[in-house]
Amino acid sequence: MLAEYEERAENWANTVGARFGLAKIAALRGQRREATDGFTEVLAELRATLGEDGPWTLATRFELANLKARFGNPAEALAEHEAVLAARTRVLGHGHPDTATSRTAPTECGR
């Protein structure tokens, strides 16, 4: 029974990771709608499964904030980046690479 559960959990993680990757590729290609839809769907699933402070949840929120900054909504992007930075600092610690990335993100929003 444990092996079956672990296999399902691994498949879920691989599937969510693949969907995150596809959304990231869409963002890099400038496909705003596809990227936003992909990240939004992944975010809903991650929030339900891992919670608001899960590292993958925070990474997905970070990517959505980047999309907002890139496609003309810097005020919302800045607010979201600041929220992600606070959560990453609390959850991952000040020295974590993801936290460091979040510290530089507000400058891309015009701050």
N, C-alpha and C. Protein backbone atom coordinates (compact mmCIF):
# COMPACT_ATOMS: atom_id res chain seq x y z
N MET A 1 0.81 -1.19 0.00
CA MET A 1 0.00 0.00 0.00
C MET A 1 0.86 1.26 0.00
N LEU A 2 1.92 1.28 0.80
CA LEU A 2 2.81 2.44 0.86
C LEU A 2 3.47 2.69 -0.50
N ALA A 3 3.90 1.63 -1.16
CA ALA A 3 4.54 1.78 -2.47
C ALA A 3 3.57 2.40 -3.48
N GLU A 4 2.31 1.98 -3.44
CA GLU A 4 1.30 2.54 -4.35
C GLU A 4 1.09 4.03 -4.07
N TYR A 5 1.04 4.40 -2.80
CA TYR A 5 0.87 5.80 -2.42
C TYR A 5 2.07 6.62 -2.89
N GLU A 6 3.28 6.11 -2.64
CA GLU A 6 4.49 6.83 -3.04
C GLU A 6 4.56 6.99 -4.55
N GLU A 7 4.13 5.98 -5.29
CA GLU A 7 4.12 6.08 -6.75
C GLU A 7 3.15 7.16 -7.22
N ARG A 8 1.97 7.21 -6.62
CA ARG A 8 0.99 8.25 -6.97
C ARG A 8 1.54 9.64 -6.65
N ALA A 9 2.17 9.79 -5.50
CA ALA A 9 2.74 11.08 -5.10
C ALA A 9 3.84 11.50 -6.07
N GLU A 10 4.68 10.55 -6.48
CA GLU A 10 5.74 10.85 -7.44
C GLU A 10 5.15 11.24 -8.79
N ASN A 11 4.13 10.53 -9.24
CA ASN A 11 3.49 10.87 -10.51
C ASN A 11 2.86 12.26 -10.44
N TRP A 12 2.22 12.58 -9.32
CA TRP A 12 1.62 13.89 -9.15
C TRP A 12 2.69 14.98 -9.24
N ALA A 13 3.79 14.78 -8.52
CA ALA A 13 4.87 15.77 -8.54
C ALA A 13 5.44 15.94 -9.95
N ASN A 14 5.62 14.86 -10.67
CA ASN A 14 6.13 14.94 -12.03
C ASN A 14 5.16 15.67 -12.94
N THR A 15 3.88 15.40 -12.79
CA THR A 15 2.86 16.04 -13.62
C THR A 15 2.79 17.54 -13.34
N VAL A 16 2.77 17.91 -12.07
CA VAL A 16 2.72 19.33 -11.72
C VAL A 16 4.00 20.03 -12.19
N GLY A 17 5.13 19.37 -12.02
CA GLY A 17 6.40 19.94 -12.47
C GLY A 17 6.42 20.15 -13.98
N ALA A 18 5.87 19.20 -14.71
CA ALA A 18 5.82 19.34 -16.17
C ALA A 18 4.90 20.48 -16.58
N ARG A 19 3.76 20.60 -15.92
CA ARG A 19 2.83 21.69 -16.23
C ARG A 19 3.43 23.05 -15.89
N PHE A 20 4.17 23.12 -14.79
CA PHE A 20 4.88 24.35 -14.43
C PHE A 20 5.89 24.69 -15.52
N GLY A 21 6.64 23.68 -15.97
CA GLY A 21 7.63 23.89 -17.02
C GLY A 21 7.02 24.38 -18.32
N LEU A 22 5.87 23.83 -18.69
CA LEU A 22 5.19 24.28 -19.91
C LEU A 22 4.74 25.73 -19.79
N ALA A 23 4.25 26.11 -18.61
CA ALA A 23 3.84 27.50 -18.39
C ALA A 23 5.06 28.42 -18.47
N LYS A 24 6.18 27.97 -17.93
CA LYS A 24 7.42 28.76 -17.97
C LYS A 24 7.88 28.96 -19.41
N ILE A 25 7.80 27.91 -20.21
CA ILE A 25 8.18 28.02 -21.63
C ILE A 25 7.25 29.00 -22.34
N ALA A 26 5.96 28.92 -22.07
CA ALA A 26 5.01 29.85 -22.68
C ALA A 26 5.37 31.29 -22.30
N ALA A 27 5.75 31.51 -21.04
CA ALA A 27 6.13 32.85 -20.59
C ALA A 27 7.37 33.33 -21.34
N LEU A 28 8.35 32.45 -21.48
CA LEU A 28 9.58 32.83 -22.19
C LEU A 28 9.32 33.15 -23.66
N ARG A 29 8.31 32.54 -24.23
CA ARG A 29 7.95 32.78 -25.62
C ARG A 29 7.02 33.98 -25.79
N GLY A 30 6.64 34.59 -24.68
CA GLY A 30 5.75 35.74 -24.74
C GLY A 30 4.29 35.38 -24.92
N GLN A 31 3.95 34.14 -24.65
CA GLN A 31 2.57 33.68 -24.76
C GLN A 31 1.87 33.94 -23.43
N ARG A 32 1.44 35.16 -23.28
CA ARG A 32 0.89 35.64 -22.01
C ARG A 32 -0.28 34.79 -21.52
N ARG A 33 -1.27 34.60 -22.36
CA ARG A 33 -2.49 33.88 -21.96
C ARG A 33 -2.17 32.45 -21.54
N GLU A 34 -1.38 31.74 -22.34
CA GLU A 34 -1.05 30.35 -22.03
C GLU A 34 -0.25 30.26 -20.73
N ALA A 35 0.70 31.17 -20.56
CA ALA A 35 1.52 31.16 -19.35
C ALA A 35 0.67 31.46 -18.12
N THR A 36 -0.15 32.49 -18.21
CA THR A 36 -0.99 32.87 -17.07
C THR A 36 -1.95 31.75 -16.72
N ASP A 37 -2.61 31.19 -17.72
CA ASP A 37 -3.54 30.08 -17.47
C ASP A 37 -2.82 28.89 -16.84
N GLY A 38 -1.66 28.54 -17.39
CA GLY A 38 -0.91 27.39 -16.88
C GLY A 38 -0.48 27.58 -15.43
N PHE A 39 0.13 28.74 -15.14
CA PHE A 39 0.56 29.00 -13.77
C PHE A 39 -0.62 29.09 -12.81
N THR A 40 -1.72 29.67 -13.25
CA THR A 40 -2.90 29.80 -12.39
C THR A 40 -3.47 28.43 -12.03
N GLU A 41 -3.54 27.53 -13.00
CA GLU A 41 -4.03 26.18 -12.73
C GLU A 41 -3.10 25.43 -11.78
N VAL A 42 -1.80 25.53 -12.03
CA VAL A 42 -0.83 24.86 -11.16
C VAL A 42 -0.91 25.45 -9.75
N LEU A 43 -1.03 26.76 -9.65
CA LEU A 43 -1.10 27.41 -8.34
C LEU A 43 -2.29 26.92 -7.53
N ALA A 44 -3.44 26.80 -8.15
CA ALA A 44 -4.63 26.32 -7.43
C ALA A 44 -4.39 24.92 -6.89
N GLU A 45 -3.80 24.07 -7.68
CA GLU A 45 -3.53 22.70 -7.24
C GLU A 45 -2.49 22.67 -6.12
N LEU A 46 -1.44 23.47 -6.25
CA LEU A 46 -0.40 23.51 -5.23
C LEU A 46 -0.94 24.05 -3.90
N ARG A 47 -1.75 25.09 -3.97
CA ARG A 47 -2.33 25.64 -2.74
C ARG A 47 -3.18 24.58 -2.03
N ALA A 48 -3.95 23.84 -2.81
CA ALA A 48 -4.83 22.81 -2.23
C ALA A 48 -4.04 21.64 -1.66
N THR A 49 -2.91 21.33 -2.26
CA THR A 49 -2.14 20.15 -1.86
C THR A 49 -1.02 20.47 -0.88
N LEU A 50 -0.24 21.51 -1.17
CA LEU A 50 0.94 21.81 -0.37
C LEU A 50 0.75 23.00 0.57
N GLY A 51 -0.29 23.78 0.35
CA GLY A 51 -0.54 24.95 1.18
C GLY A 51 0.06 26.21 0.59
N GLU A 52 -0.28 27.31 1.22
CA GLU A 52 0.12 28.64 0.73
C GLU A 52 1.63 28.86 0.80
N ASP A 53 2.31 28.23 1.75
CA ASP A 53 3.74 28.46 1.95
C ASP A 53 4.64 27.38 1.38
N GLY A 54 4.08 26.46 0.60
CA GLY A 54 4.93 25.44 -0.01
C GLY A 54 5.91 26.08 -0.99
N PRO A 55 7.14 25.62 -1.03
CA PRO A 55 8.12 26.21 -1.94
C PRO A 55 7.66 26.24 -3.41
N TRP A 56 6.98 25.22 -3.88
CA TRP A 56 6.48 25.22 -5.26
C TRP A 56 5.37 26.25 -5.41
N THR A 57 4.54 26.37 -4.38
CA THR A 57 3.47 27.37 -4.40
C THR A 57 4.09 28.76 -4.53
N LEU A 58 5.12 29.02 -3.74
CA LEU A 58 5.78 30.32 -3.78
C LEU A 58 6.48 30.55 -5.12
N ALA A 59 7.07 29.52 -5.69
CA ALA A 59 7.71 29.65 -7.00
C ALA A 59 6.69 30.01 -8.07
N THR A 60 5.52 29.43 -7.99
CA THR A 60 4.48 29.70 -8.97
C THR A 60 3.94 31.11 -8.80
N ARG A 61 3.77 31.55 -7.58
CA ARG A 61 3.35 32.94 -7.33
C ARG A 61 4.40 33.91 -7.86
N PHE A 62 5.66 33.57 -7.70
CA PHE A 62 6.76 34.40 -8.20
C PHE A 62 6.67 34.53 -9.72
N GLU A 63 6.43 33.42 -10.40
CA GLU A 63 6.33 33.45 -11.86
C GLU A 63 5.13 34.26 -12.33
N LEU A 64 4.01 34.16 -11.63
CA LEU A 64 2.84 34.97 -11.98
C LEU A 64 3.13 36.45 -11.78
N ALA A 65 3.86 36.80 -10.73
CA ALA A 65 4.24 38.20 -10.51
C ALA A 65 5.14 38.68 -11.64
N ASN A 66 6.05 37.83 -12.09
CA ASN A 66 6.92 38.19 -13.21
C ASN A 66 6.09 38.48 -14.46
N LEU A 67 5.07 37.69 -14.70
CA LEU A 67 4.20 37.92 -15.86
C LEU A 67 3.50 39.27 -15.74
N LYS A 68 3.02 39.60 -14.56
CA LYS A 68 2.36 40.88 -14.36
C LYS A 68 3.33 42.03 -14.63
N ALA A 69 4.56 41.89 -14.17
CA ALA A 69 5.56 42.94 -14.40
C ALA A 69 5.87 43.06 -15.89
N ARG A 70 6.01 41.94 -16.54
CA ARG A 70 6.39 41.92 -17.95
C ARG A 70 5.28 42.45 -18.86
N PHE A 71 4.04 42.20 -18.49
CA PHE A 71 2.93 42.54 -19.36
C PHE A 71 2.10 43.72 -18.84
N GLY A 72 2.75 44.65 -18.13
CA GLY A 72 2.13 45.93 -17.88
C GLY A 72 1.33 46.13 -16.63
N ASN A 73 1.57 45.36 -15.59
CA ASN A 73 0.88 45.61 -14.34
C ASN A 73 1.90 45.67 -13.19
N PRO A 74 2.79 46.67 -13.23
CA PRO A 74 3.88 46.71 -12.25
C PRO A 74 3.43 46.87 -10.80
N ALA A 75 2.34 47.57 -10.56
CA ALA A 75 1.88 47.76 -9.17
C ALA A 75 1.47 46.43 -8.55
N GLU A 76 0.68 45.64 -9.28
CA GLU A 76 0.29 44.31 -8.78
C GLU A 76 1.49 43.40 -8.66
N ALA A 77 2.38 43.49 -9.64
CA ALA A 77 3.59 42.65 -9.62
C ALA A 77 4.43 42.95 -8.39
N LEU A 78 4.60 44.23 -8.10
CA LEU A 78 5.41 44.62 -6.94
C LEU A 78 4.79 44.11 -5.65
N ALA A 79 3.48 44.27 -5.50
CA ALA A 79 2.80 43.79 -4.28
C ALA A 79 2.97 42.28 -4.13
N GLU A 80 2.82 41.55 -5.23
CA GLU A 80 2.96 40.09 -5.16
C GLU A 80 4.41 39.68 -4.88
N HIS A 81 5.38 40.34 -5.53
CA HIS A 81 6.79 40.02 -5.25
C HIS A 81 7.13 40.28 -3.78
N GLU A 82 6.62 41.36 -3.23
CA GLU A 82 6.89 41.65 -1.82
C GLU A 82 6.27 40.59 -0.90
N ALA A 83 5.08 40.12 -1.25
CA ALA A 83 4.44 39.07 -0.46
C ALA A 83 5.21 37.75 -0.56
N VAL A 84 5.67 37.43 -1.76
CA VAL A 84 6.46 36.20 -1.94
C VAL A 84 7.78 36.31 -1.19
N LEU A 85 8.43 37.47 -1.25
CA LEU A 85 9.68 37.66 -0.51
C LEU A 85 9.47 37.45 0.99
N ALA A 86 8.42 38.01 1.54
CA ALA A 86 8.14 37.84 2.97
C ALA A 86 7.92 36.36 3.30
N ALA A 87 7.17 35.67 2.47
CA ALA A 87 6.90 34.25 2.71
C ALA A 87 8.17 33.42 2.56
N ARG A 88 8.94 33.68 1.52
CA ARG A 88 10.18 32.91 1.32
C ARG A 88 11.17 33.15 2.46
N THR A 89 11.26 34.38 2.93
CA THR A 89 12.16 34.67 4.05
C THR A 89 11.72 33.89 5.28
N ARG A 90 10.43 33.86 5.54
CA ARG A 90 9.89 33.15 6.70
C ARG A 90 10.06 31.63 6.57
N VAL A 91 9.78 31.11 5.37
CA VAL A 91 9.75 29.65 5.18
C VAL A 91 11.14 29.09 4.85
N LEU A 92 11.87 29.74 3.96
CA LEU A 92 13.14 29.21 3.47
C LEU A 92 14.36 29.80 4.16
N GLY A 93 14.20 30.97 4.75
CA GLY A 93 15.32 31.63 5.40
C GLY A 93 15.93 32.71 4.52
N HIS A 94 16.62 33.62 5.17
CA HIS A 94 17.19 34.78 4.48
C HIS A 94 18.24 34.40 3.44
N GLY A 95 19.01 33.35 3.70
CA GLY A 95 20.11 32.98 2.82
C GLY A 95 19.77 32.04 1.68
N HIS A 96 18.54 31.60 1.59
CA HIS A 96 18.16 30.64 0.53
C HIS A 96 18.22 31.32 -0.84
N PRO A 97 18.66 30.60 -1.87
CA PRO A 97 18.74 31.18 -3.23
C PRO A 97 17.41 31.72 -3.75
N ASP A 98 16.30 31.05 -3.45
CA ASP A 98 15.00 31.56 -3.90
C ASP A 98 14.66 32.88 -3.21
N THR A 99 15.03 33.00 -1.95
CA THR A 99 14.79 34.25 -1.22
C THR A 99 15.64 35.36 -1.83
N ALA A 100 16.88 35.05 -2.16
CA ALA A 100 17.75 36.04 -2.80
C ALA A 100 17.17 36.50 -4.13
N THR A 101 16.64 35.58 -4.90
CA THR A 101 16.00 35.93 -6.18
C THR A 101 14.83 36.86 -5.94
N SER A 102 14.04 36.59 -4.91
CA SER A 102 12.89 37.43 -4.59
C SER A 102 13.31 38.83 -4.14
N ARG A 103 14.48 38.94 -3.51
CA ARG A 103 14.94 40.26 -3.07
C ARG A 103 15.24 41.17 -4.26
N THR A 104 15.65 40.61 -5.38
CA THR A 104 15.99 41.44 -6.55
C THR A 104 14.79 41.70 -7.46
N ALA A 105 13.73 40.94 -7.31
CA ALA A 105 12.58 41.06 -8.22
C ALA A 105 11.90 42.43 -8.19
N PRO A 106 11.73 43.08 -7.03
CA PRO A 106 11.05 44.38 -7.05
C PRO A 106 11.72 45.43 -7.93
N THR A 107 13.02 45.34 -8.14
CA THR A 107 13.70 46.31 -9.00
C THR A 107 13.21 46.21 -10.44
N GLU A 108 12.75 45.02 -10.83
CA GLU A 108 12.21 44.82 -12.18
C GLU A 108 10.82 45.41 -12.31
N CYS A 109 10.22 45.78 -11.20
CA CYS A 109 8.87 46.36 -11.22
C CYS A 109 8.93 47.88 -11.11
N GLY A 110 10.13 48.43 -11.21
CA GLY A 110 10.29 49.87 -11.15
C GLY A 110 10.52 50.42 -9.76
N ARG A 111 10.84 49.55 -8.84
CA ARG A 111 11.10 50.00 -7.46
C ARG A 111 12.55 50.20 -7.22
